[in-house]
Protein backbone atom coordinates (compact mmCIF):
# COMPACT_ATOMS: atom_id res chain seq x y z
CA MET A 1 12.77 4.53 11.75
CA LYS A 2 13.22 2.39 8.89
CA PRO A 3 16.62 2.39 7.30
CA THR A 4 16.12 4.55 3.42
CA VAL A 5 16.31 2.70 0.04
CA TYR A 6 17.29 4.37 -2.95
CA VAL A 7 15.90 1.77 -5.59
CA GLU A 8 18.13 2.72 -8.89
CA THR A 9 17.01 1.47 -11.91
CA THR A 10 18.57 -2.44 -12.76
CA ILE A 11 16.04 -3.25 -9.48
CA PRO A 12 12.46 -2.76 -11.25
CA SER A 13 14.63 -3.76 -14.63
CA PHE A 14 15.93 -7.13 -13.13
CA TYR A 15 12.76 -7.65 -11.63
CA TYR A 16 11.10 -8.19 -14.86
CA GLU A 17 14.16 -10.03 -16.51
CA SER A 18 13.69 -12.48 -19.48
CA ARG A 19 17.18 -13.42 -20.34
CA THR A 20 17.38 -17.29 -19.27
CA GLU A 21 21.30 -17.29 -18.49
CA ALA A 22 21.69 -18.61 -14.25
CA SER A 23 22.96 -15.35 -13.13
CA MET A 24 20.55 -13.55 -14.78
CA ILE A 25 17.57 -16.18 -13.07
CA ALA A 26 19.52 -15.85 -10.06
CA ARG A 27 19.67 -12.15 -9.86
CA LYS A 28 15.68 -11.74 -11.13
CA GLU A 29 14.75 -14.06 -8.16
CA TRP A 30 16.82 -12.12 -5.41
CA THR A 31 15.42 -9.27 -6.57
CA ARG A 32 11.98 -10.60 -6.45
CA ILE A 33 11.98 -12.11 -2.73
CA TRP A 34 13.67 -8.92 -1.75
CA TRP A 35 10.96 -6.44 -3.11
CA ASN A 36 7.85 -9.40 -2.10
CA GLU A 37 9.54 -9.78 1.23
CA ARG A 38 11.90 -7.40 2.68
CA SER A 39 11.37 -3.88 1.24
CA THR A 40 8.14 -3.44 3.76
CA ALA A 41 11.43 -3.13 6.16
CA PHE A 42 12.68 0.03 4.51
CA ASN A 43 11.50 3.51 3.30
CA LEU A 44 11.93 3.01 -0.58
CA PHE A 45 12.79 6.44 -2.44
CA THR A 46 13.59 6.70 -6.35
CA SER A 47 13.99 9.44 -8.70
CA GLU A 48 12.52 10.81 -11.82
CA ALA A 49 16.01 9.36 -13.64
CA VAL A 50 14.71 6.08 -12.92
CA VAL A 51 11.85 6.57 -13.94
CA GLU A 52 13.20 8.09 -17.48
CA GLU A 53 15.82 5.59 -17.79
CA ILE A 54 13.43 2.58 -17.42
CA GLN A 55 10.69 4.87 -19.82
CA ALA A 56 13.76 5.05 -22.40
CA GLY A 57 14.69 1.37 -21.89
CA ASP A 58 13.77 -1.59 -24.69
CA PHE A 59 13.04 -4.38 -23.00
CA PRO A 60 10.28 -7.28 -22.65
CA GLY A 61 9.20 -5.82 -18.67
CA ARG A 62 9.12 -2.32 -19.32
CA ASN A 63 5.73 -1.40 -18.51
CA GLU A 64 5.78 -3.67 -15.83
CA ALA A 65 8.80 -2.19 -14.54
CA LEU A 66 7.43 1.53 -14.58
CA SER A 67 4.49 0.06 -12.72
CA LEU A 68 6.86 -1.20 -9.94
CA VAL A 69 8.44 2.16 -9.05
CA LYS A 70 5.40 4.18 -9.84
CA ASN A 71 4.49 4.38 -5.74
CA ILE A 72 7.77 4.97 -4.92
CA PRO A 73 8.66 8.82 -3.48
CA LEU A 74 10.72 10.62 -6.40
CA LEU A 75 13.84 12.35 -4.77
CA GLU A 76 13.93 15.66 -6.18
CA ILE A 77 17.41 16.47 -8.68
CA ARG A 78 18.15 19.91 -7.50
CA PRO A 79 20.77 22.28 -8.78
CA PRO A 80 23.32 20.79 -5.69
CA ILE A 81 23.02 17.13 -7.24
CA ASP A 82 24.22 18.37 -10.77
CA GLU A 83 27.06 19.99 -9.06
CA ILE A 84 27.62 16.73 -6.92
CA VAL A 85 27.68 14.47 -10.04
CA GLU A 86 30.27 17.30 -11.78
CA VAL A 87 32.89 16.32 -8.77
CA TYR A 88 32.23 12.69 -9.38
CA LEU A 89 32.62 12.74 -13.11
CA ARG A 90 35.79 15.13 -12.71
CA HIS A 91 37.39 12.66 -9.93
CA GLY A 92 36.89 9.69 -12.29
CA VAL A 93 34.34 7.97 -9.57
CA MET A 94 31.82 6.95 -11.76
CA PRO A 95 31.63 6.93 -15.91
CA GLN A 96 31.54 10.11 -17.75
CA ASP A 97 27.62 9.97 -18.08
CA PRO A 98 26.32 12.57 -16.02
CA GLY A 99 22.62 11.07 -16.49
CA GLY A 100 23.54 7.64 -15.16
CA ASP A 101 25.48 6.06 -12.36
CA ALA A 102 27.14 9.33 -11.03
CA LEU A 103 23.33 11.11 -10.98
CA HIS A 104 22.20 7.97 -8.87
CA LEU A 105 25.09 7.97 -6.44
CA ALA A 106 24.36 11.96 -6.14
CA VAL A 107 20.94 11.43 -5.32
CA ALA A 108 21.01 8.92 -2.93
CA SER A 109 24.25 10.86 -1.08
CA TYR A 110 22.69 14.02 -1.02
CA TYR A 111 19.44 12.60 0.45
CA ARG A 112 21.29 10.67 3.06
CA CYS A 113 19.93 7.48 2.32
CA ASP A 114 21.25 4.45 3.84
CA PHE A 115 21.48 1.96 0.94
CA LEU A 116 21.92 2.51 -2.79
CA LEU A 117 20.18 -0.57 -3.97
CA THR A 118 21.57 -1.85 -7.41
CA TRP A 119 22.80 -4.59 -9.44
CA ASN A 120 25.30 -2.40 -11.52
CA CYS A 121 28.60 -4.05 -9.59
CA ALA A 122 30.52 -2.72 -11.58
CA HIS A 123 30.25 1.08 -10.92
CA LEU A 124 27.90 1.18 -8.06
CA ALA A 125 28.00 -1.97 -6.07
CA ASN A 126 31.84 -2.28 -6.36
CA ALA A 127 34.23 -3.13 -3.63
CA ASN A 128 37.02 -1.12 -5.62
CA LYS A 129 35.12 2.12 -5.56
CA PHE A 130 33.84 2.10 -2.44
CA ASP A 131 36.80 4.30 -0.67
CA ASN A 132 37.49 6.37 -3.44
CA ILE A 133 33.60 7.45 -3.36
CA ARG A 134 33.45 7.65 0.90
CA ARG A 135 37.20 10.13 0.04
CA ILE A 136 35.31 12.28 -2.53
CA ASN A 137 32.10 12.39 -0.54
CA GLY A 138 33.97 13.04 2.18
CA ILE A 139 35.48 15.91 1.13
CA LEU A 140 32.14 17.18 -0.39
CA GLY A 141 30.77 16.68 3.35
CA LEU A 142 28.38 14.25 2.05
CA PHE A 143 26.71 11.18 2.92
CA SER A 144 27.71 7.95 2.09
CA PRO A 145 25.07 5.40 1.25
CA SER A 146 25.97 1.62 1.53
CA LEU A 147 26.30 0.45 -2.15
CA VAL A 148 24.13 -2.95 -2.15
CA THR A 149 22.45 -5.75 -4.20
CA PRO A 150 19.13 -6.95 -2.91
CA LEU A 151 21.26 -10.44 -2.25
CA GLU A 152 22.57 -7.78 0.79
CA LEU A 153 19.58 -7.01 2.29
CA LEU A 154 18.09 -10.30 2.55
CA GLY A 155 17.94 -12.12 5.67
CA ASP A 156 15.61 -13.42 8.39
CA GLU A 157 16.62 -10.72 10.89
CA GLU A 158 15.43 -6.96 10.69
CA PRO A 159 17.94 -4.81 8.59
CA PRO A 160 20.54 -2.87 10.72
CA PRO A 161 19.26 1.21 11.88
């Protein structure tokens, strides 16, 4: 069985990144390599929240980013997920935006995704937050996905089970 990946908004956005700073170009390239060469080793999922964030965005590759995720199955945002988001916000696990990072983490945790794939290294793929996320998810009886960037899922070998 393939590992599951929740694709967060920054992934399709970076696939079509147009900024010319070296770090932005590198993220775009790593995203494209992962998407084009490695993503088939995983079962991909996303949510309506990702689609809505892309639709609300104002960036050159917005329509292309929407096309990139159009065939990825959407995980339903059920009422328990809203409750999980509230706990994350109350305990300072994520920034105080119930429709943002906390929602993506709650969806990936609720559906037991193996990975939450993101370029958001401030709030999601941030090693300084991992212990707190695992602690709160443990209290809630939730699975804690690995919070990773495309770079971390690149490689010649098969991804871990």
